[in-house]
Amino acid sequence: KRGEYYIADSIKNDPKLKFKTDGGRVVYGGGGITPDYFIPRD
């Protein structure tokens, strides 16, 4: 309903659950693995 399967900006990660990869990239906890590259459902 939020359109998350089609629009990357619809993914709402909790800013309080921010973590970093070995290389310093930001990733989030609290709701699955957010992909590095979003591909919408066809």
PDB file of all heavy atoms in Angstrom:
ATOM      1  N   LYS A   1       0.819  -1.207   0.000  1.00  0.00           N
ATOM      2  CA  LYS A   1       0.000   0.000   0.000  1.00  0.00           C
ATOM      3  C   LYS A   1       0.858   1.264   0.000  1.00  0.00           C
ATOM      4  O   LYS A   1       0.472   2.287  -0.558  1.00  0.00           O
ATOM      5  CB  LYS A   1      -0.934  -0.001   1.210  1.00  0.00           C
ATOM      6  CG  LYS A   1      -2.050  -1.042   1.124  1.00  0.00           C
ATOM      7  CD  LYS A   1      -2.952  -0.983   2.350  1.00  0.00           C
ATOM      8  CE  LYS A   1      -4.081  -2.000   2.233  1.00  0.00           C
ATOM      9  NZ  LYS A   1      -4.968  -1.981   3.432  1.00  0.00           N
ATOM     10  N   ARG A   2       2.031   1.197   0.638  1.00  0.00           N
ATOM     11  CA  ARG A   2       2.933   2.355   0.665  1.00  0.00           C
ATOM     12  C   ARG A   2       3.689   2.524  -0.654  1.00  0.00           C
ATOM     13  O   ARG A   2       4.387   3.514  -0.840  1.00  0.00           O
ATOM     14  CB  ARG A   2       3.952   2.204   1.791  1.00  0.00           C
ATOM     15  CG  ARG A   2       3.388   2.341   3.187  1.00  0.00           C
ATOM     16  CD  ARG A   2       4.512   2.540   4.192  1.00  0.00           C
ATOM     17  NE  ARG A   2       5.448   1.430   4.209  1.00  0.00           N
ATOM     18  CZ  ARG A   2       5.386   0.406   5.058  1.00  0.00           C
ATOM     19  NH1 ARG A   2       4.403   0.365   5.958  1.00  0.00           N
ATOM     20  NH2 ARG A   2       6.273  -0.556   5.016  1.00  0.00           N
ATOM     21  N   GLY A   3       3.569   1.544  -1.538  1.00  0.00           N
ATOM     22  CA  GLY A   3       4.278   1.618  -2.811  1.00  0.00           C
ATOM     23  C   GLY A   3       5.717   1.167  -2.735  1.00  0.00           C
ATOM     24  O   GLY A   3       6.504   1.426  -3.652  1.00  0.00           O
ATOM     25  N   GLU A   4       6.058   0.465  -1.650  1.00  0.00           N
ATOM     26  CA  GLU A   4       7.458   0.098  -1.440  1.00  0.00           C
ATOM     27  C   GLU A   4       7.973  -0.875  -2.481  1.00  0.00           C
ATOM     28  O   GLU A   4       9.175  -0.938  -2.735  1.00  0.00           O
ATOM     29  CB  GLU A   4       7.629  -0.496  -0.041  1.00  0.00           C
ATOM     30  CG  GLU A   4       9.071  -0.788   0.317  1.00  0.00           C
ATOM     31  CD  GLU A   4       9.245  -1.288   1.737  1.00  0.00           C
ATOM     32  OE1 GLU A   4       8.612  -0.731   2.647  1.00  0.00           O
ATOM     33  OE2 GLU A   4      10.014  -2.250   1.920  1.00  0.00           O
ATOM     34  N   TYR A   5       7.107  -1.653  -3.099  1.00  0.00           N
ATOM     35  CA  TYR A   5       7.560  -2.620  -4.091  1.00  0.00           C
ATOM     36  C   TYR A   5       7.931  -1.954  -5.421  1.00  0.00           C
ATOM     37  O   TYR A   5       8.523  -2.610  -6.287  1.00  0.00           O
ATOM     38  CB  TYR A   5       6.484  -3.667  -4.348  1.00  0.00           C
ATOM     39  CG  TYR A   5       6.135  -4.495  -3.126  1.00  0.00           C
ATOM     40  CD1 TYR A   5       4.857  -5.010  -2.949  1.00  0.00           C
ATOM     41  CD2 TYR A   5       7.084  -4.761  -2.144  1.00  0.00           C
ATOM     42  CE1 TYR A   5       4.535  -5.776  -1.841  1.00  0.00           C
ATOM     43  CE2 TYR A   5       6.767  -5.514  -1.029  1.00  0.00           C
ATOM     44  CZ  TYR A   5       5.489  -6.022  -0.879  1.00  0.00           C
ATOM     45  OH  TYR A   5       5.178  -6.772   0.228  1.00  0.00           O
ATOM     46  N   TYR A   6       7.592  -0.676  -5.549  1.00  0.00           N
ATOM     47  CA  TYR A   6       7.788  -0.003  -6.829  1.00  0.00           C
ATOM     48  C   TYR A   6       8.656   1.249  -6.738  1.00  0.00           C
ATOM     49  O   TYR A   6       9.225   1.674  -7.739  1.00  0.00           O
ATOM     50  CB  TYR A   6       6.427   0.378  -7.421  1.00  0.00           C
ATOM     51  CG  TYR A   6       5.477  -0.790  -7.490  1.00  0.00           C
ATOM     52  CD1 TYR A   6       4.487  -0.969  -6.527  1.00  0.00           C
ATOM     53  CD2 TYR A   6       5.592  -1.746  -8.487  1.00  0.00           C
ATOM     54  CE1 TYR A   6       3.631  -2.061  -6.569  1.00  0.00           C
ATOM     55  CE2 TYR A   6       4.745  -2.847  -8.537  1.00  0.00           C
ATOM     56  CZ  TYR A   6       3.760  -2.989  -7.565  1.00  0.00           C
ATOM     57  OH  TYR A   6       2.928  -4.078  -7.606  1.00  0.00           O
ATOM     58  N   ILE A   7       8.766   1.860  -5.554  1.00  0.00           N
ATOM     59  CA  ILE A   7       9.483   3.133  -5.403  1.00  0.00           C
ATOM     60  C   ILE A   7      10.467   3.018  -4.245  1.00  0.00           C
ATOM     61  O   ILE A   7      10.070   2.750  -3.107  1.00  0.00           O
ATOM     62  CB  ILE A   7       8.506   4.298  -5.149  1.00  0.00           C
ATOM     63  CG1 ILE A   7       7.456   4.378  -6.262  1.00  0.00           C
ATOM     64  CG2 ILE A   7       9.266   5.617  -5.038  1.00  0.00           C
ATOM     65  CD1 ILE A   7       6.343   5.369  -5.975  1.00  0.00           C
ATOM     66  N   ALA A   8      11.742   3.239  -4.520  1.00  0.00           N
ATOM     67  CA  ALA A   8      12.768   3.094  -3.485  1.00  0.00           C
ATOM     68  C   ALA A   8      12.551   4.057  -2.323  1.00  0.00           C
ATOM     69  O   ALA A   8      12.788   3.717  -1.164  1.00  0.00           O
ATOM     70  CB  ALA A   8      14.149   3.312  -4.090  1.00  0.00           C
ATOM     71  N   ASP A   9      12.084   5.273  -2.613  1.00  0.00           N
ATOM     72  CA  ASP A   9      11.891   6.272  -1.557  1.00  0.00           C
ATOM     73  C   ASP A   9      10.790   5.889  -0.578  1.00  0.00           C
ATOM     74  O   ASP A   9      10.653   6.510   0.482  1.00  0.00           O
ATOM     75  CB  ASP A   9      11.560   7.642  -2.173  1.00  0.00           C
ATOM     76  CG  ASP A   9      12.769   8.253  -2.876  1.00  0.00           C
ATOM     77  OD1 ASP A   9      13.903   7.872  -2.511  1.00  0.00           O
ATOM     78  OD2 ASP A   9      12.581   9.079  -3.777  1.00  0.00           O
ATOM     79  N   SER A  10       9.998   4.881  -0.917  1.00  0.00           N
ATOM     80  CA  SER A  10       8.936   4.436  -0.006  1.00  0.00           C
ATOM     81  C   SER A  10       9.476   3.595   1.151  1.00  0.00           C
ATOM     82  O   SER A  10       8.758   3.345   2.115  1.00  0.00           O
ATOM     83  CB  SER A  10       7.881   3.634  -0.772  1.00  0.00           C
ATOM     84  OG  SER A  10       7.262   4.431  -1.762  1.00  0.00           O
ATOM     85  N   ILE A  11      10.725   3.153   1.045  1.00  0.00           N
ATOM     86  CA  ILE A  11      11.338   2.393   2.138  1.00  0.00           C
ATOM     87  C   ILE A  11      11.686   3.365   3.252  1.00  0.00           C
ATOM     88  O   ILE A  11      12.502   4.270   3.067  1.00  0.00           O
ATOM     89  CB  ILE A  11      12.602   1.651   1.668  1.00  0.00           C
ATOM     90  CG1 ILE A  11      12.265   0.701   0.516  1.00  0.00           C
ATOM     91  CG2 ILE A  11      13.239   0.887   2.820  1.00  0.00           C
ATOM     92  CD1 ILE A  11      13.477   0.017  -0.085  1.00  0.00           C
ATOM     93  N   LYS A  12      11.060   3.206   4.391  1.00  0.00           N
ATOM     94  CA  LYS A  12      11.264   4.112   5.522  1.00  0.00           C
ATOM     95  C   LYS A  12      12.059   3.396   6.618  1.00  0.00           C
ATOM     96  O   LYS A  12      11.522   2.639   7.408  1.00  0.00           O
ATOM     97  CB  LYS A  12       9.917   4.594   6.073  1.00  0.00           C
ATOM     98  CG  LYS A  12       9.022   5.270   5.046  1.00  0.00           C
ATOM     99  CD  LYS A  12       9.693   6.505   4.433  1.00  0.00           C
ATOM    100  CE  LYS A  12       8.777   7.177   3.414  1.00  0.00           C
ATOM    101  NZ  LYS A  12       9.445   8.331   2.734  1.00  0.00           N
ATOM    102  N   ASN A  13      13.377   3.632   6.637  1.00  0.00           N
ATOM    103  CA  ASN A  13      14.223   3.056   7.662  1.00  0.00           C
ATOM    104  C   ASN A  13      14.243   3.948   8.895  1.00  0.00           C
ATOM    105  O   ASN A  13      14.101   5.168   8.806  1.00  0.00           O
ATOM    106  CB  ASN A  13      15.653   2.886   7.131  1.00  0.00           C
ATOM    107  CG  ASN A  13      15.749   1.819   6.055  1.00  0.00           C
ATOM    108  OD1 ASN A  13      15.344   0.696   6.272  1.00  0.00           O
ATOM    109  ND2 ASN A  13      16.271   2.186   4.898  1.00  0.00           N
ATOM    110  N   ASP A  14      14.415   3.336  10.048  1.00  0.00           N
ATOM    111  CA  ASP A  14      14.465   4.059  11.311  1.00  0.00           C
ATOM    112  C   ASP A  14      15.836   4.725  11.448  1.00  0.00           C
ATOM    113  O   ASP A  14      16.860   4.037  11.542  1.00  0.00           O
ATOM    114  CB  ASP A  14      14.235   3.098  12.474  1.00  0.00           C
ATOM    115  CG  ASP A  14      14.087   3.803  13.811  1.00  0.00           C
ATOM    116  OD1 ASP A  14      14.505   4.969  13.927  1.00  0.00           O
ATOM    117  OD2 ASP A  14      13.572   3.163  14.763  1.00  0.00           O
ATOM    118  N   PRO A  15      15.896   6.057  11.455  1.00  0.00           N
ATOM    119  CA  PRO A  15      17.202   6.735  11.535  1.00  0.00           C
ATOM    120  C   PRO A  15      17.953   6.448  12.830  1.00  0.00           C
ATOM    121  O   PRO A  15      19.166   6.666  12.907  1.00  0.00           O
ATOM    122  CB  PRO A  15      16.823   8.215  11.425  1.00  0.00           C
ATOM    123  CG  PRO A  15      15.395   8.292  11.831  1.00  0.00           C
ATOM    124  CD  PRO A  15      14.777   7.000  11.402  1.00  0.00           C
ATOM    125  N   LYS A  16      17.237   5.961  13.851  1.00  0.00           N
ATOM    126  CA  LYS A  16      17.904   5.628  15.112  1.00  0.00           C
ATOM    127  C   LYS A  16      18.649   4.292  15.027  1.00  0.00           C
ATOM    128  O   LYS A  16      19.462   3.983  15.907  1.00  0.00           O
ATOM    129  CB  LYS A  16      16.874   5.563  16.238  1.00  0.00           C
ATOM    130  CG  LYS A  16      16.177   6.880  16.527  1.00  0.00           C
ATOM    131  CD  LYS A  16      15.144   6.712  17.630  1.00  0.00           C
ATOM    132  CE  LYS A  16      14.406   8.020  17.899  1.00  0.00           C
ATOM    133  NZ  LYS A  16      13.366   7.844  18.954  1.00  0.00           N
ATOM    134  N   LEU A  17      18.343   3.505  13.993  1.00  0.00           N
ATOM    135  CA  LEU A  17      18.961   2.191  13.850  1.00  0.00           C
ATOM    136  C   LEU A  17      19.944   2.211  12.680  1.00  0.00           C
ATOM    137  O   LEU A  17      19.889   1.398  11.765  1.00  0.00           O
ATOM    138  CB  LEU A  17      17.882   1.124  13.633  1.00  0.00           C
ATOM    139  CG  LEU A  17      16.861   0.978  14.760  1.00  0.00           C
ATOM    140  CD1 LEU A  17      15.790  -0.036  14.401  1.00  0.00           C
ATOM    141  CD2 LEU A  17      17.552   0.585  16.070  1.00  0.00           C
ATOM    142  N   LYS A  18      20.856   3.174  12.741  1.00  0.00           N
ATOM    143  CA  LYS A  18      21.825   3.366  11.668  1.00  0.00           C
ATOM    144  C   LYS A  18      23.144   2.685  12.043  1.00  0.00           C
ATOM    145  O   LYS A  18      23.657   2.847  13.147  1.00  0.00           O
ATOM    146  CB  LYS A  18      22.052   4.860  11.437  1.00  0.00           C
ATOM    147  CG  LYS A  18      22.943   5.192  10.253  1.00  0.00           C
ATOM    148  CD  LYS A  18      23.143   6.695  10.123  1.00  0.00           C
ATOM    149  CE  LYS A  18      21.838   7.404   9.787  1.00  0.00           C
ATOM    150  NZ  LYS A  18      22.062   8.842   9.520  1.00  0.00           N
ATOM    151  N   PHE A  19      23.684   1.907  11.107  1.00  0.00           N
ATOM    152  CA  PHE A  19      24.945   1.203  11.320  1.00  0.00           C
ATOM    153  C   PHE A  19      25.835   1.425  10.104  1.00  0.00           C
ATOM    154  O   PHE A  19      25.393   1.988   9.103  1.00  0.00           O
ATOM    155  CB  PHE A  19      24.693  -0.302  11.526  1.00  0.00           C
ATOM    156  CG  PHE A  19      23.852  -0.617  12.737  1.00  0.00           C
ATOM    157  CD1 PHE A  19      22.459  -0.523  12.680  1.00  0.00           C
ATOM    158  CD2 PHE A  19      24.443  -0.995  13.922  1.00  0.00           C
ATOM    159  CE1 PHE A  19      21.680  -0.817  13.790  1.00  0.00           C
ATOM    160  CE2 PHE A  19      23.670  -1.285  15.043  1.00  0.00           C
ATOM    161  CZ  PHE A  19      22.293  -1.191  14.974  1.00  0.00           C
ATOM    162  N   LYS A  20      27.087   0.985  10.206  1.00  0.00           N
ATOM    163  CA  LYS A  20      28.008   1.169   9.093  1.00  0.00           C
ATOM    164  C   LYS A  20      28.689  -0.141   8.733  1.00  0.00           C
ATOM    165  O   LYS A  20      29.005  -0.965   9.593  1.00  0.00           O
ATOM    166  CB  LYS A  20      29.051   2.228   9.433  1.00  0.00           C
ATOM    167  CG  LYS A  20      28.485   3.638   9.470  1.00  0.00           C
ATOM    168  CD  LYS A  20      29.578   4.676   9.548  1.00  0.00           C
ATOM    169  CE  LYS A  20      28.993   6.091   9.472  1.00  0.00           C
ATOM    170  NZ  LYS A  20      30.052   7.122   9.527  1.00  0.00           N
ATOM    171  N   THR A  21      28.903  -0.320   7.419  1.00  0.00           N
ATOM    172  CA  THR A  21      29.621  -1.486   6.928  1.00  0.00           C
ATOM    173  C   THR A  21      31.114  -1.295   7.175  1.00  0.00           C
ATOM    174  O   THR A  21      31.565  -0.229   7.631  1.00  0.00           O
ATOM    175  CB  THR A  21      29.374  -1.683   5.429  1.00  0.00           C
ATOM    176  OG1 THR A  21      30.014  -0.614   4.700  1.00  0.00           O
ATOM    177  CG2 THR A  21      27.880  -1.670   5.114  1.00  0.00           C
ATOM    178  N   ASP A  22      31.892  -2.334   6.846  1.00  0.00           N
ATOM    179  CA  ASP A  22      33.347  -2.225   7.006  1.00  0.00           C
ATOM    180  C   ASP A  22      33.903  -1.025   6.271  1.00  0.00           C
ATOM    181  O   ASP A  22      34.849  -0.372   6.733  1.00  0.00           O
ATOM    182  CB  ASP A  22      34.029  -3.492   6.477  1.00  0.00           C
ATOM    183  CG  ASP A  22      33.744  -4.710   7.338  1.00  0.00           C
ATOM    184  OD1 ASP A  22      33.131  -4.545   8.416  1.00  0.00           O
ATOM    185  OD2 ASP A  22      34.131  -5.830   6.930  1.00  0.00           O
ATOM    186  N   GLY A  23      33.314  -0.725   5.105  1.00  0.00           N
ATOM    187  CA  GLY A  23      33.795   0.380   4.288  1.00  0.00           C
ATOM    188  C   GLY A  23      33.179   1.719   4.628  1.00  0.00           C
ATOM    189  O   GLY A  23      33.435   2.706   3.931  1.00  0.00           O
ATOM    190  N   GLY A  24      32.321   1.772   5.657  1.00  0.00           N
ATOM    191  CA  GLY A  24      31.740   3.035   6.083  1.00  0.00           C
ATOM    192  C   GLY A  24      30.407   3.370   5.459  1.00  0.00           C
ATOM    193  O   GLY A  24      29.867   4.466   5.698  1.00  0.00           O
ATOM    194  N   ARG A  25      29.830   2.464   4.676  1.00  0.00           N
ATOM    195  CA  ARG A  25      28.512   2.735   4.099  1.00  0.00           C
ATOM    196  C   ARG A  25      27.444   2.598   5.174  1.00  0.00           C
ATOM    197  O   ARG A  25      27.524   1.747   6.056  1.00  0.00           O
ATOM    198  CB  ARG A  25      28.214   1.772   2.945  1.00  0.00           C
ATOM    199  CG  ARG A  25      29.156   1.903   1.778  1.00  0.00           C
ATOM    200  CD  ARG A  25      28.750   1.009   0.614  1.00  0.00           C
ATOM    201  NE  ARG A  25      28.666  -0.381   1.011  1.00  0.00           N
ATOM    202  CZ  ARG A  25      27.600  -1.145   0.838  1.00  0.00           C
ATOM    203  NH1 ARG A  25      26.491  -0.642   0.310  1.00  0.00           N
ATOM    204  NH2 ARG A  25      27.610  -2.413   1.209  1.00  0.00           N
ATOM    205  N   VAL A  26      26.411   3.409   5.072  1.00  0.00           N
ATOM    206  CA  VAL A  26      25.317   3.378   6.050  1.00  0.00           C
ATOM    207  C   VAL A  26      24.325   2.285   5.692  1.00  0.00           C
ATOM    208  O   VAL A  26      23.875   2.181   4.540  1.00  0.00           O
ATOM    209  CB  VAL A  26      24.591   4.733   6.117  1.00  0.00           C
ATOM    210  CG1 VAL A  26      23.372   4.653   7.040  1.00  0.00           C
ATOM    211  CG2 VAL A  26      25.541   5.817   6.619  1.00  0.00           C
ATOM    212  N   VAL A  27      23.987   1.458   6.681  1.00  0.00           N
ATOM    213  CA  VAL A  27      22.948   0.437   6.543  1.00  0.00           C
ATOM    214  C   VAL A  27      22.040   0.553   7.765  1.00  0.00           C
ATOM    215  O   VAL A  27      22.398   1.184   8.764  1.00  0.00           O
ATOM    216  CB  VAL A  27      23.543  -0.981   6.439  1.00  0.00           C
ATOM    217  CG1 VAL A  27      24.226  -1.183   5.095  1.00  0.00           C
ATOM    218  CG2 VAL A  27      24.506  -1.260   7.582  1.00  0.00           C
ATOM    219  N   TYR A  28      20.858  -0.077   7.686  1.00  0.00           N
ATOM    220  CA  TYR A  28      19.869   0.095   8.743  1.00  0.00           C
ATOM    221  C   TYR A  28      19.408  -1.247   9.297  1.00  0.00           C
ATOM    222  O   TYR A  28      19.379  -2.261   8.611  1.00  0.00           O
ATOM    223  CB  TYR A  28      18.649   0.866   8.212  1.00  0.00           C
ATOM    224  CG  TYR A  28      18.956   2.293   7.841  1.00  0.00           C
ATOM    225  CD1 TYR A  28      19.357   2.622   6.542  1.00  0.00           C
ATOM    226  CD2 TYR A  28      18.861   3.311   8.789  1.00  0.00           C
ATOM    227  CE1 TYR A  28      19.645   3.937   6.196  1.00  0.00           C
ATOM    228  CE2 TYR A  28      19.145   4.630   8.449  1.00  0.00           C
ATOM    229  CZ  TYR A  28      19.545   4.932   7.154  1.00  0.00           C
ATOM    230  OH  TYR A  28      19.836   6.228   6.827  1.00  0.00           O
ATOM    231  N   GLY A  29      19.046  -1.217  10.574  1.00  0.00           N
ATOM    232  CA  GLY A  29      18.452  -2.375  11.217  1.00  0.00           C
ATOM    233  C   GLY A  29      16.966  -2.164  11.418  1.00  0.00           C
ATOM    234  O   GLY A  29      16.391  -1.167  10.987  1.00  0.00           O
ATOM    235  N   GLY A  30      16.346  -3.147  12.089  1.00  0.00           N
ATOM    236  CA  GLY A  30      14.965  -2.970  12.510  1.00  0.00           C
ATOM    237  C   GLY A  30      13.901  -3.299  11.498  1.00  0.00           C
ATOM    238  O   GLY A  30      12.731  -3.004  11.719  1.00  0.00           O
ATOM    239  N   GLY A  31      14.245  -3.916  10.374  1.00  0.00           N
ATOM    240  CA  GLY A  31      13.184  -4.212   9.411  1.00  0.00           C
ATOM    241  C   GLY A  31      13.684  -4.846   8.141  1.00  0.00           C
ATOM    242  O   GLY A  31      13.369  -4.395   7.035  1.00  0.00           O
ATOM    243  N   GLY A  32      14.481  -5.893   8.247  1.00  0.00           N
ATOM    244  CA  GLY A  32      14.958  -6.570   7.059  1.00  0.00           C
ATOM    245  C   GLY A  32      16.235  -5.967   6.521  1.00  0.00           C
ATOM    246  O   GLY A  32      16.805  -5.038   7.085  1.00  0.00           O
ATOM    247  N   ILE A  33      16.689  -6.525   5.396  1.00  0.00           N
ATOM    248  CA  ILE A  33      17.876  -6.028   4.707  1.00  0.00           C
ATOM    249  C   ILE A  33      17.430  -5.101   3.583  1.00  0.00           C
ATOM    250  O   ILE A  33      16.745  -5.521   2.645  1.00  0.00           O
ATOM    251  CB  ILE A  33      18.702  -7.197   4.122  1.00  0.00           C
ATOM    252  CG1 ILE A  33      19.131  -8.177   5.216  1.00  0.00           C
ATOM    253  CG2 ILE A  33      19.900  -6.669   3.344  1.00  0.00           C
ATOM    254  CD1 ILE A  33      20.102  -7.629   6.214  1.00  0.00           C
ATOM    255  N   THR A  34      17.790  -3.831   3.681  1.00  0.00           N
ATOM    256  CA  THR A  34      17.501  -2.890   2.606  1.00  0.00           C
ATOM    257  C   THR A  34      18.562  -3.054   1.529  1.00  0.00           C
ATOM    258  O   THR A  34      19.758  -2.995   1.825  1.00  0.00           O
ATOM    259  CB  THR A  34      17.503  -1.443   3.111  1.00  0.00           C
ATOM    260  OG1 THR A  34      16.495  -1.291   4.114  1.00  0.00           O
ATOM    261  CG2 THR A  34      17.228  -0.462   1.976  1.00  0.00           C
ATOM    262  N   PRO A  35      18.174  -3.276   0.283  1.00  0.00           N
ATOM    263  CA  PRO A  35      19.174  -3.540  -0.762  1.00  0.00           C
ATOM    264  C   PRO A  35      20.038  -2.319  -1.047  1.00  0.00           C
ATOM    265  O   PRO A  35      19.619  -1.179  -0.853  1.00  0.00           O
ATOM    266  CB  PRO A  35      18.318  -3.925  -1.973  1.00  0.00           C
ATOM    267  CG  PRO A  35      17.002  -3.256  -1.738  1.00  0.00           C
ATOM    268  CD  PRO A  35      16.802  -3.290  -0.250  1.00  0.00           C
ATOM    269  N   ASP A  36      21.248  -2.587  -1.528  1.00  0.00           N
ATOM    270  CA  ASP A  36      22.122  -1.503  -1.979  1.00  0.00           C
ATOM    271  C   ASP A  36      21.617  -0.907  -3.284  1.00  0.00           C
ATOM    272  O   ASP A  36      21.832   0.273  -3.566  1.00  0.00           O
ATOM    273  CB  ASP A  36      23.547  -2.034  -2.195  1.00  0.00           C
ATOM    274  CG  ASP A  36      24.116  -2.685  -0.950  1.00  0.00           C
ATOM    275  OD1 ASP A  36      24.077  -2.054   0.113  1.00  0.00           O
ATOM    276  OD2 ASP A  36      24.590  -3.834  -1.056  1.00  0.00           O
ATOM    277  N   TYR A  37      20.964  -1.736  -4.077  1.00  0.00           N
ATOM    278  CA  TYR A  37      20.434  -1.290  -5.354  1.00  0.00           C
ATOM    279  C   TYR A  37      18.998  -1.770  -5.456  1.00  0.00           C
ATOM    280  O   TYR A  37      18.724  -2.968  -5.464  1.00  0.00           O
ATOM    281  CB  TYR A  37      21.265  -1.861  -6.512  1.00  0.00           C
ATOM    282  CG  TYR A  37      20.897  -1.297  -7.865  1.00  0.00           C
ATOM    283  CD1 TYR A  37      21.545  -0.168  -8.369  1.00  0.00           C
ATOM    284  CD2 TYR A  37      19.905  -1.884  -8.641  1.00  0.00           C
ATOM    285  CE1 TYR A  37      21.207   0.351  -9.612  1.00  0.00           C
ATOM    286  CE2 TYR A  37      19.565  -1.367  -9.876  1.00  0.00           C
ATOM    287  CZ  TYR A  37      20.211  -0.252 -10.359  1.00  0.00           C
ATOM    288  OH  TYR A  37      19.868   0.272 -11.579  1.00  0.00           O
ATOM    289  N   PHE A  38      18.076  -0.818  -5.525  1.00  0.00           N
ATOM    290  CA  PHE A  38      16.647  -1.136  -5.531  1.00  0.00           C
ATOM    291  C   PHE A  38      16.174  -1.474  -6.939  1.00  0.00           C
ATOM    292  O   PHE A  38      16.432  -0.738  -7.894  1.00  0.00           O
ATOM    293  CB  PHE A  38      15.851   0.054  -4.989  1.00  0.00           C
ATOM    294  CG  PHE A  38      14.360  -0.126  -5.054  1.00  0.00           C
ATOM    295  CD1 PHE A  38      13.703  -0.887  -4.100  1.00  0.00           C
ATOM    296  CD2 PHE A  38      13.603   0.450  -6.065  1.00  0.00           C
ATOM    297  CE1 PHE A  38      12.330  -1.070  -4.152  1.00  0.00           C
ATOM    298  CE2 PHE A  38      12.232   0.285  -6.126  1.00  0.00           C
ATOM    299  CZ  PHE A  38      11.591  -0.481  -5.159  1.00  0.00           C
ATOM    300  N   ILE A  39      15.487  -2.601  -7.077  1.00  0.00           N
ATOM    301  CA  ILE A  39      14.874  -2.991  -8.351  1.00  0.00           C
ATOM    302  C   ILE A  39      13.380  -3.164  -8.106  1.00  0.00           C
ATOM    303  O   ILE A  39      12.972  -4.046  -7.341  1.00  0.00           O
ATOM    304  CB  ILE A  39      15.467  -4.298  -8.898  1.00  0.00           C
ATOM    305  CG1 ILE A  39      16.979  -4.158  -9.077  1.00  0.00           C
ATOM    306  CG2 ILE A  39      14.804  -4.663 -10.234  1.00  0.00           C
ATOM    307  CD1 ILE A  39      17.663  -5.438  -9.548  1.00  0.00           C
ATOM    308  N   PRO A  40      12.536  -2.359  -8.708  1.00  0.00           N
ATOM    309  CA  PRO A  40      11.098  -2.449  -8.447  1.00  0.00           C
ATOM    310  C   PRO A  40      10.494  -3.726  -9.002  1.00  0.00           C
ATOM    311  O   PRO A  40      11.030  -4.348  -9.928  1.00  0.00           O
ATOM    312  CB  PRO A  40      10.530  -1.219  -9.162  1.00  0.00           C
ATOM    313  CG  PRO A  40      11.509  -0.929 -10.251  1.00  0.00           C
ATOM    314  CD  PRO A  40      12.855  -1.314  -9.701  1.00  0.00           C
ATOM    315  N   ARG A  41       9.384  -4.109  -8.437  1.00  0.00           N
ATOM    316  CA  ARG A  41       8.637  -5.271  -8.931  1.00  0.00           C
ATOM    317  C   ARG A  41       8.033  -4.939 -10.300  1.00  0.00           C
ATOM    318  O   ARG A  41       7.473  -3.861 -10.498  1.00  0.00           O
ATOM    319  CB  ARG A  41       7.533  -5.637  -7.943  1.00  0.00           C
ATOM    320  CG  ARG A  41       6.653  -6.792  -8.386  1.00  0.00           C
ATOM    321  CD  ARG A  41       5.481  -6.980  -7.451  1.00  0.00           C
ATOM    322  NE  ARG A  41       5.881  -7.546  -6.169  1.00  0.00           N
ATOM    323  CZ  ARG A  41       5.038  -7.750  -5.159  1.00  0.00           C
ATOM    324  NH1 ARG A  41       3.760  -7.431  -5.290  1.00  0.00           N
ATOM    325  NH2 ARG A  41       5.473  -8.266  -4.018  1.00  0.00           N
ATOM    326  N   ASP A  42       8.161  -5.858 -11.227  1.00  0.00           N
ATOM    327  CA  ASP A  42       7.559  -5.680 -12.554  1.00  0.00           C
ATOM    328  C   ASP A  42       6.167  -6.309 -12.539  1.00  0.00           C
ATOM    329  O   ASP A  42       6.032  -7.523 -12.422  1.00  0.00           O
ATOM    330  CB  ASP A  42       8.425  -6.345 -13.618  1.00  0.00           C
ATOM    331  CG  ASP A  42       7.829  -6.211 -15.016  1.00  0.00           C
ATOM    332  OD1 ASP A  42       6.933  -5.357 -15.191  1.00  0.00           O
ATOM    333  OD2 ASP A  42       8.249  -6.960 -15.922  1.00  0.00           O
TER     334      ASP A  42
END
